[in-house]
C-alpha atoms as a PDB file:
ATOM      1  CA  MET A   1       0.000   0.000   0.000  1.00  0.00           C
ATOM      2  CA  THR A   2       1.229   3.472  -0.857  1.00  0.00           C
ATOM      3  CA  ARG A   3       0.918   5.932   2.028  1.00  0.00           C
ATOM      4  CA  PHE A   4       0.899   9.691   1.556  1.00  0.00           C
ATOM      5  CA  VAL A   5       0.284  12.957   3.365  1.00  0.00           C
ATOM      6  CA  ILE A   6      -0.728  16.350   1.985  1.00  0.00           C
ATOM      7  CA  LEU A   7       1.136  19.110   3.812  1.00  0.00           C
ATOM      8  CA  ALA A   8      -0.254  22.625   3.481  1.00  0.00           C
ATOM      9  CA  ALA A   9      -0.226  25.873   5.421  1.00  0.00           C
ATOM     10  CA  PRO A  10      -3.818  26.974   4.688  1.00  0.00           C
ATOM     11  CA  ARG A  11      -6.902  24.865   5.339  1.00  0.00           C
ATOM     12  CA  THR A  12      -8.856  26.453   2.505  1.00  0.00           C
ATOM     13  CA  GLY A  13      -7.897  25.328  -0.985  1.00  0.00           C
ATOM     14  CA  SER A  14      -6.241  22.135   0.204  1.00  0.00           C
ATOM     15  CA  ASN A  15      -9.709  20.577   0.528  1.00  0.00           C
ATOM     16  CA  LEU A  16      -9.876  20.713  -3.262  1.00  0.00           C
ATOM     17  CA  LEU A  17      -6.862  18.441  -3.592  1.00  0.00           C
ATOM     18  CA  CYS A  18      -8.431  15.916  -1.205  1.00  0.00           C
ATOM     19  CA  THR A  19     -11.570  15.634  -3.323  1.00  0.00           C
ATOM     20  CA  LEU A  20      -9.592  15.453  -6.563  1.00  0.00           C
ATOM     21  CA  LEU A  21      -7.578  12.523  -5.226  1.00  0.00           C
ATOM     22  CA  ALA A  22     -10.689  10.833  -3.853  1.00  0.00           C
ATOM     23  CA  SER A  23     -12.190  10.791  -7.360  1.00  0.00           C
ATOM     24  CA  HIS A  24      -9.565   8.198  -8.366  1.00  0.00           C
ATOM     25  CA  GLY A  25     -10.702   4.635  -7.734  1.00  0.00           C
ATOM     26  CA  ASP A  26      -7.338   3.530  -6.349  1.00  0.00           C
ATOM     27  CA  ILE A  27      -6.988   6.341  -3.788  1.00  0.00           C
ATOM     28  CA  LEU A  28      -8.516   6.714  -0.322  1.00  0.00           C
ATOM     29  CA  CYS A  29      -7.909  10.300   0.760  1.00  0.00           C
ATOM     30  CA  HIS A  30      -8.941  11.429   4.218  1.00  0.00           C
ATOM     31  CA  HIS A  31      -9.285  15.105   5.040  1.00  0.00           C
ATOM     32  CA  GLU A  32      -8.041  16.709   8.264  1.00  0.00           C
ATOM     33  CA  LEU A  33      -7.770  13.750  10.594  1.00  0.00           C
ATOM     34  CA  PHE A  34      -5.927  15.913  13.124  1.00  0.00           C
ATOM     35  CA  ASN A  35      -8.100  19.019  13.032  1.00  0.00           C
ATOM     36  CA  PRO A  36      -8.613  20.266  16.623  1.00  0.00           C
ATOM     37  CA  ASN A  37     -12.382  20.386  16.043  1.00  0.00           C
ATOM     38  CA  GLY A  38     -12.928  16.897  14.674  1.00  0.00           C
ATOM     39  CA  VAL A  39     -11.685  13.786  12.915  1.00  0.00           C
ATOM     40  CA  PHE A  40     -12.503  14.395   9.256  1.00  0.00           C
ATOM     41  CA  CYS A  41     -12.277  11.136   7.343  1.00  0.00           C
ATOM     42  CA  ALA A  42     -12.838  10.505   3.646  1.00  0.00           C
ATOM     43  CA  ARG A  43     -16.273  11.720   2.617  1.00  0.00           C
ATOM     44  CA  ASP A  44     -16.828   9.268  -0.224  1.00  0.00           C
ATOM     45  CA  ARG A  45     -17.010   6.231   2.047  1.00  0.00           C
ATOM     46  CA  ALA A  46     -20.190   5.772   4.107  1.00  0.00           C
ATOM     47  CA  VAL A  47     -18.426   3.614   6.677  1.00  0.00           C
ATOM     48  CA  ASP A  48     -17.097   3.908  10.203  1.00  0.00           C
ATOM     49  CA  PHE A  49     -13.346   3.714   9.842  1.00  0.00           C
ATOM     50  CA  GLY A  50     -12.976   2.995  13.548  1.00  0.00           C
ATOM     51  CA  PHE A  51     -10.057   5.373  14.043  1.00  0.00           C
ATOM     52  CA  GLY A  52     -11.518   6.847  17.234  1.00  0.00           C
ATOM     53  CA  ASP A  53     -12.884  10.209  18.305  1.00  0.00           C
ATOM     54  CA  VAL A  54     -11.060  13.450  19.096  1.00  0.00           C
ATOM     55  CA  ALA A  55     -10.375  12.461  22.713  1.00  0.00           C
ATOM     56  CA  GLU A  56      -8.877   9.105  21.704  1.00  0.00           C
ATOM     57  CA  ARG A  57      -6.844  10.747  18.958  1.00  0.00           C
ATOM     58  CA  ASP A  58      -5.429  13.459  21.202  1.00  0.00           C
ATOM     59  CA  ARG A  59      -4.660  10.994  23.990  1.00  0.00           C
ATOM     60  CA  ASN A  60      -2.335   9.041  21.696  1.00  0.00           C
ATOM     61  CA  PRO A  61      -1.894  10.584  18.232  1.00  0.00           C
ATOM     62  CA  LYS A  62       0.813   8.087  17.246  1.00  0.00           C
ATOM     63  CA  GLU A  63      -1.465   5.102  17.881  1.00  0.00           C
ATOM     64  CA  PHE A  64      -4.263   6.909  16.045  1.00  0.00           C
ATOM     65  CA  LEU A  65      -2.003   7.367  13.027  1.00  0.00           C
ATOM     66  CA  ASP A  66      -1.048   3.697  13.166  1.00  0.00           C
ATOM     67  CA  ARG A  67      -4.757   2.792  12.987  1.00  0.00           C
ATOM     68  CA  VAL A  68      -5.090   4.973   9.894  1.00  0.00           C
ATOM     69  CA  TRP A  69      -2.253   3.135   8.167  1.00  0.00           C
ATOM     70  CA  ARG A  70      -3.489  -0.287   9.298  1.00  0.00           C
ATOM     71  CA  TYR A  71      -7.031   0.201   8.021  1.00  0.00           C
ATOM     72  CA  PRO A  72      -7.784  -2.569   5.472  1.00  0.00           C
ATOM     73  CA  ALA A  73      -8.598  -0.271   2.570  1.00  0.00           C
ATOM     74  CA  ARG A  74      -9.559  -1.690  -0.795  1.00  0.00           C
ATOM     75  CA  GLU A  75      -7.597   1.129  -2.424  1.00  0.00           C
ATOM     76  CA  ALA A  76      -3.896   0.776  -3.174  1.00  0.00           C
ATOM     77  CA  CYS A  77      -3.109   4.302  -1.973  1.00  0.00           C
ATOM     78  CA  VAL A  78      -4.146   5.866   1.361  1.00  0.00           C
ATOM     79  CA  GLY A  79      -3.413   9.271   2.814  1.00  0.00           C
ATOM     80  CA  PHE A  80      -4.665  12.368   4.590  1.00  0.00           C
ATOM     81  CA  LYS A  81      -4.195  16.106   4.849  1.00  0.00           C
ATOM     82  CA  TRP A  82      -2.256  17.911   7.577  1.00  0.00           C
ATOM     83  CA  THR A  83      -2.284  21.703   7.865  1.00  0.00           C
ATOM     84  CA  ARG A  84      -0.245  24.214   9.797  1.00  0.00           C
ATOM     85  CA  ASP A  85      -0.915  24.469  13.546  1.00  0.00           C
ATOM     86  CA  GLN A  86      -2.243  20.925  13.815  1.00  0.00           C
ATOM     87  CA  ASP A  87      -0.535  18.242  15.921  1.00  0.00           C
ATOM     88  CA  ARG A  88       3.223  18.684  15.518  1.00  0.00           C
ATOM     89  CA  THR A  89       4.032  15.201  16.771  1.00  0.00           C
ATOM     90  CA  VAL A  90       2.135  13.853  13.768  1.00  0.00           C
ATOM     91  CA  LEU A  91       4.025  16.169  11.438  1.00  0.00           C
ATOM     92  CA  SER A  92       7.354  15.012  12.897  1.00  0.00           C
ATOM     93  CA  ARG A  93       6.376  11.388  12.506  1.00  0.00           C
ATOM     94  CA  VAL A  94       5.246  11.552   8.888  1.00  0.00           C
ATOM     95  CA  VAL A  95       8.210  13.751   7.927  1.00  0.00           C
ATOM     96  CA  SER A  96      10.675  11.285   9.426  1.00  0.00           C
ATOM     97  CA  ASP A  97       8.924   8.279   7.864  1.00  0.00           C
ATOM     98  CA  GLU A  98      10.474   7.872   4.421  1.00  0.00           C
ATOM     99  CA  GLY A  99       7.765   5.336   3.598  1.00  0.00           C
ATOM    100  CA  VAL A 100       5.180   8.131   3.543  1.00  0.00           C
ATOM    101  CA  LYS A 101       5.073  10.142   0.341  1.00  0.00           C
ATOM    102  CA  LYS A 102       4.904  13.885   0.901  1.00  0.00           C
ATOM    103  CA  ILE A 103       2.806  16.227  -1.220  1.00  0.00           C
ATOM    104  CA  VAL A 104       3.529  19.870  -0.432  1.00  0.00           C
ATOM    105  CA  LEU A 105       0.675  22.117  -1.538  1.00  0.00           C
ATOM    106  CA  ARG A 106       1.167  25.863  -1.903  1.00  0.00           C
ATOM    107  CA  ARG A 107      -0.924  28.728  -3.225  1.00  0.00           C
ATOM    108  CA  ARG A 108       0.651  31.542  -5.218  1.00  0.00           C
ATOM    109  CA  HIS A 109      -1.967  34.149  -4.377  1.00  0.00           C
ATOM    110  CA  ARG A 110      -1.193  34.859  -0.739  1.00  0.00           C
ATOM    111  CA  LEU A 111      -3.772  37.610  -0.319  1.00  0.00           C
ATOM    112  CA  LYS A 112      -6.624  35.412  -1.557  1.00  0.00           C
ATOM    113  CA  THR A 113      -5.407  32.683   0.778  1.00  0.00           C
ATOM    114  CA  PHE A 114      -5.733  35.094   3.683  1.00  0.00           C
ATOM    115  CA  LEU A 115      -9.159  36.318   2.553  1.00  0.00           C
ATOM    116  CA  SER A 116     -10.467  32.776   2.069  1.00  0.00           C
ATOM    117  CA  GLU A 117      -9.463  31.842   5.598  1.00  0.00           C
ATOM    118  CA  CYS A 118     -11.034  34.997   7.042  1.00  0.00           C
ATOM    119  CA  ILE A 119     -14.325  34.330   5.247  1.00  0.00           C
ATOM    120  CA  ALA A 120     -14.340  30.667   6.243  1.00  0.00           C
ATOM    121  CA  ARG A 121     -13.746  31.632   9.865  1.00  0.00           C
ATOM    122  CA  GLU A 122     -16.480  34.268   9.821  1.00  0.00           C
ATOM    123  CA  LEU A 123     -19.036  31.898   8.276  1.00  0.00           C
ATOM    124  CA  ASP A 124     -17.678  28.827  10.079  1.00  0.00           C
ATOM    125  CA  GLN A 125     -17.858  27.124   6.700  1.00  0.00           C
ATOM    126  CA  TRP A 126     -14.530  25.608   5.728  1.00  0.00           C
ATOM    127  CA  GLU A 127     -15.675  22.937   3.292  1.00  0.00           C
ATOM    128  CA  VAL A 128     -18.736  22.919   1.034  1.00  0.00           C
ATOM    129  CA  TYR A 129     -19.683  19.887  -1.072  1.00  0.00           C
ATOM    130  CA  ASP A 130     -23.240  20.743  -2.109  1.00  0.00           C
ATOM    131  CA  PRO A 131     -24.028  24.121  -3.762  1.00  0.00           C
ATOM    132  CA  ARG A 132     -27.219  24.238  -1.709  1.00  0.00           C
ATOM    133  CA  ASP A 133     -25.121  24.397   1.461  1.00  0.00           C
ATOM    134  CA  LEU A 134     -23.090  27.396   0.331  1.00  0.00           C
ATOM    135  CA  ALA A 135     -23.869  30.535   2.334  1.00  0.00           C
ATOM    136  CA  SER A 136     -25.543  32.787  -0.230  1.00  0.00           C
ATOM    137  CA  ALA A 137     -24.713  36.037   1.568  1.00  0.00           C
ATOM    138  CA  ARG A 138     -20.959  36.291   1.112  1.00  0.00           C
ATOM    139  CA  PRO A 139     -19.350  38.753   3.534  1.00  0.00           C
ATOM    140  CA  ARG A 140     -17.202  41.662   2.399  1.00  0.00           C
ATOM    141  CA  LEU A 141     -14.393  41.987   4.873  1.00  0.00           C
ATOM    142  CA  THR A 142     -12.657  44.961   6.406  1.00  0.00           C
ATOM    143  CA  ILE A 143      -9.011  43.970   6.187  1.00  0.00           C
ATOM    144  CA  HIS A 144      -5.878  45.424   7.732  1.00  0.00           C
ATOM    145  CA  GLY A 145      -2.835  45.181   5.507  1.00  0.00           C
ATOM    146  CA  SER A 146      -0.558  44.284   8.416  1.00  0.00           C
ATOM    147  CA  ASP A 147      -2.677  41.205   9.173  1.00  0.00           C
ATOM    148  CA  ALA A 148      -2.455  40.020   5.561  1.00  0.00           C
ATOM    149  CA  ILE A 149       1.314  40.506   5.532  1.00  0.00           C
ATOM    150  CA  GLU A 150       1.733  38.678   8.850  1.00  0.00           C
ATOM    151  CA  HIS A 151      -0.348  35.774   7.528  1.00  0.00           C
ATOM    152  CA  ALA A 152       1.769  35.524   4.372  1.00  0.00           C
ATOM    153  CA  GLN A 153       4.985  35.636   6.366  1.00  0.00           C
ATOM    154  CA  SER A 154       3.784  32.948   8.785  1.00  0.00           C
ATOM    155  CA  ASN A 155       2.961  30.661   5.890  1.00  0.00           C
ATOM    156  CA  ALA A 156       6.341  31.364   4.308  1.00  0.00           C
ATOM    157  CA  THR A 157       8.078  30.463   7.573  1.00  0.00           C
ATOM    158  CA  PHE A 158       6.135  27.209   7.742  1.00  0.00           C
ATOM    159  CA  TYR A 159       7.142  26.236   4.201  1.00  0.00           C
ATOM    160  CA  ARG A 160      10.791  27.109   4.806  1.00  0.00           C
ATOM    161  CA  SER A 161      10.918  24.824   7.844  1.00  0.00           C
ATOM    162  CA  LEU A 162       9.110  22.098   5.903  1.00  0.00           C
ATOM    163  CA  ASP A 163      11.527  22.387   2.968  1.00  0.00           C
ATOM    164  CA  ALA A 164      14.457  22.073   5.368  1.00  0.00           C
ATOM    165  CA  ALA A 165      12.971  18.982   7.025  1.00  0.00           C
ATOM    166  CA  LEU A 166      12.320  17.347   3.649  1.00  0.00           C
ATOM    167  CA  SER A 167      15.557  18.427   1.977  1.00  0.00           C
ATOM    168  CA  ARG A 168      16.837  14.849   1.714  1.00  0.00           C
ATOM    169  CA  GLN A 169      13.553  13.195   0.836  1.00  0.00           C
ATOM    170  CA  PRO A 170      11.622  13.018  -2.423  1.00  0.00           C
ATOM    171  CA  LYS A 171       8.503  15.153  -2.365  1.00  0.00           C
ATOM    172  CA  LEU A 172       6.006  16.483  -4.845  1.00  0.00           C
ATOM    173  CA  GLU A 173       5.375  20.211  -4.813  1.00  0.00           C
ATOM    174  CA  LEU A 174       2.060  21.400  -6.210  1.00  0.00           C
ATOM    175  CA  TRP A 175       0.424  24.779  -6.702  1.00  0.00           C
ATOM    176  CA  TYR A 176      -3.275  25.204  -5.941  1.00  0.00           C
ATOM    177  CA  GLU A 177      -3.712  27.252  -9.106  1.00  0.00           C
ATOM    178  CA  GLU A 178      -2.492  24.346 -11.296  1.00  0.00           C
ATOM    179  CA  LEU A 179      -4.489  21.445  -9.843  1.00  0.00           C
ATOM    180  CA  PHE A 180      -6.803  21.177 -12.856  1.00  0.00           C
ATOM    181  CA  GLU A 181      -3.970  20.977 -15.375  1.00  0.00           C
ATOM    182  CA  ARG A 182      -3.849  17.552 -16.977  1.00  0.00           C
ATOM    183  CA  GLU A 183      -0.070  17.223 -16.830  1.00  0.00           C
ATOM    184  CA  VAL A 184      -0.023  18.206 -13.155  1.00  0.00           C
ATOM    185  CA  GLN A 185      -2.625  15.543 -12.385  1.00  0.00           C
ATOM    186  CA  ARG A 186      -0.645  12.962 -14.337  1.00  0.00           C
ATOM    187  CA  ARG A 187       2.515  13.814 -12.396  1.00  0.00           C
ATOM    188  CA  LEU A 188       0.596  13.574  -9.123  1.00  0.00           C
ATOM    189  CA  LEU A 189      -0.795  10.123  -9.891  1.00  0.00           C
ATOM    190  CA  GLN A 190       2.583   8.852 -11.025  1.00  0.00           C
ATOM    191  CA  PHE A 191       4.115  10.093  -7.777  1.00  0.00           C
ATOM    192  CA  LEU A 192       1.478   8.120  -5.851  1.00  0.00           C
ATOM    193  CA  GLU A 193       2.148   5.046  -7.979  1.00  0.00           C
ATOM    194  CA  VAL A 194      -1.392   4.723  -9.330  1.00  0.00           C
ATOM    195  CA  SER A 195      -2.405   4.595 -12.967  1.00  0.00           C
ATOM    196  CA  PRO A 196      -2.618   8.026 -14.620  1.00  0.00           C
ATOM    197  CA  ASP A 197      -3.867   6.633 -17.943  1.00  0.00           C
ATOM    198  CA  ASP A 198      -7.045   8.276 -19.232  1.00  0.00           C
ATOM    199  CA  VAL A 199      -7.848   9.564 -15.754  1.00  0.00           C
ATOM    200  CA  THR A 200      -9.152  13.052 -15.061  1.00  0.00           C
ATOM    201  CA  LEU A 201      -9.424  13.918 -11.403  1.00  0.00           C
ATOM    202  CA  ARG A 202     -12.683  15.685 -10.568  1.00  0.00           C
ATOM    203  CA  PRO A 203     -13.428  17.965  -7.620  1.00  0.00           C
ATOM    204  CA  GLY A 204     -16.045  17.120  -5.046  1.00  0.00           C
ATOM    205  CA  SER A 205     -15.986  20.513  -3.331  1.00  0.00           C
ATOM    206  CA  VAL A 206     -17.721  23.768  -4.246  1.00  0.00           C
ATOM    207  CA  LYS A 207     -15.838  26.972  -5.058  1.00  0.00           C
ATOM    208  CA  GLN A 208     -16.899  29.463  -2.403  1.00  0.00           C
ATOM    209  CA  ASN A 209     -15.519  32.915  -3.178  1.00  0.00           C
ATOM    210  CA  SER A 210     -15.072  35.317  -6.063  1.00  0.00           C
ATOM    211  CA  ASP A 211     -11.680  35.608  -7.753  1.00  0.00           C
ATOM    212  CA  ASP A 212     -12.026  39.392  -7.662  1.00  0.00           C
ATOM    213  CA  VAL A 213     -10.405  40.805  -4.538  1.00  0.00           C
ATOM    214  CA  ARG A 214     -12.542  43.956  -4.848  1.00  0.00           C
ATOM    215  CA  GLN A 215     -15.662  41.880  -4.275  1.00  0.00           C
ATOM    216  CA  LEU A 216     -14.227  40.369  -1.093  1.00  0.00           C
ATOM    217  CA  VAL A 217     -12.860  43.487   0.612  1.00  0.00           C
ATOM    218  CA  ALA A 218     -15.089  46.294   1.894  1.00  0.00           C
ATOM    219  CA  ASN A 219     -12.187  48.717   2.453  1.00  0.00           C
ATOM    220  CA  PHE A 220     -10.382  47.970  -0.794  1.00  0.00           C
ATOM    221  CA  GLU A 221      -8.943  51.478  -1.344  1.00  0.00           C
ATOM    222  CA  GLU A 222      -7.705  51.658   2.234  1.00  0.00           C
ATOM    223  CA  LEU A 223      -6.113  48.227   1.880  1.00  0.00           C
ATOM    224  CA  ARG A 224      -4.506  49.271  -1.404  1.00  0.00           C
ATOM    225  CA  LEU A 225      -2.793  52.181   0.360  1.00  0.00           C
ATOM    226  CA  GLN A 226      -1.692  49.964   3.248  1.00  0.00           C
ATOM    227  CA  LEU A 227      -0.102  47.442   0.888  1.00  0.00           C
ATOM    228  CA  GLN A 228       1.717  49.942  -1.317  1.00  0.00           C
ATOM    229  CA  GLY A 229       5.376  49.026  -1.580  1.00  0.00           C
ATOM    230  CA  THR A 230       4.867  45.631   0.111  1.00  0.00           C
ATOM    231  CA  GLU A 231       5.211  42.124  -1.296  1.00  0.00           C
ATOM    232  CA  LEU A 232       1.421  41.809  -1.541  1.00  0.00           C
ATOM    233  CA  GLU A 233       0.771  44.997  -3.497  1.00  0.00           C
ATOM    234  CA  GLY A 234       0.679  43.224  -6.862  1.00  0.00           C
ATOM    235  CA  GLU A 235      -1.886  40.695  -5.670  1.00  0.00           C
ATOM    236  CA  LEU A 236      -4.644  43.290  -5.312  1.00  0.00           C
ATOM    237  CA  ALA A 237      -5.192  43.386  -9.054  1.00  0.00           C
ATOM    238  CA  SER A 238      -5.281  39.642  -9.705  1.00  0.00           C
END
């Protein structure tokens, strides 16, 4: 069995990769098994995986992870997603385990990453799989430029430490913006050692927010002035 982990700084966006992988018949992809608020298993399987609840997981995360790997899946490839600020003992264990394939997911647009997380937190809606469940009234946020910059820098620090930890291991680096590209999907499936032939990975999640930053930010002109001359200035127009 091939084991893998998706490592990402932001929670939003990385859900898309989970559902893309789950659309392949040979892949069982869990979501955030180590989220502080719950154990989020694969959505496409109406079964009780028997991994345990949050209390059991937090009491012994290493044993919990062992149960994940021992689960008798019919798929040849099994993995899950881990995001920044979740259990660091789990991160250390999967990073040190060379038998676990590492997929490092990044997003180029750092400002949209920040906005997506702010909206998800405000609505308490991090993942949407049915358009009918999507909150129709999308908030327009009042954003402080310093908060956006701090968020981008924190993510950059996380990725630098991750790159250092994985410097001597093979890993696959992906960009959120390229996940629908056929060649990227082919490279991903080859990395996971499953057949890429005539396979198109399909999302199971719903896009939540506009691509236009102006539609997401209530104080856009104020934010534009705050970000002048910073590394995020160019991301206001994209």
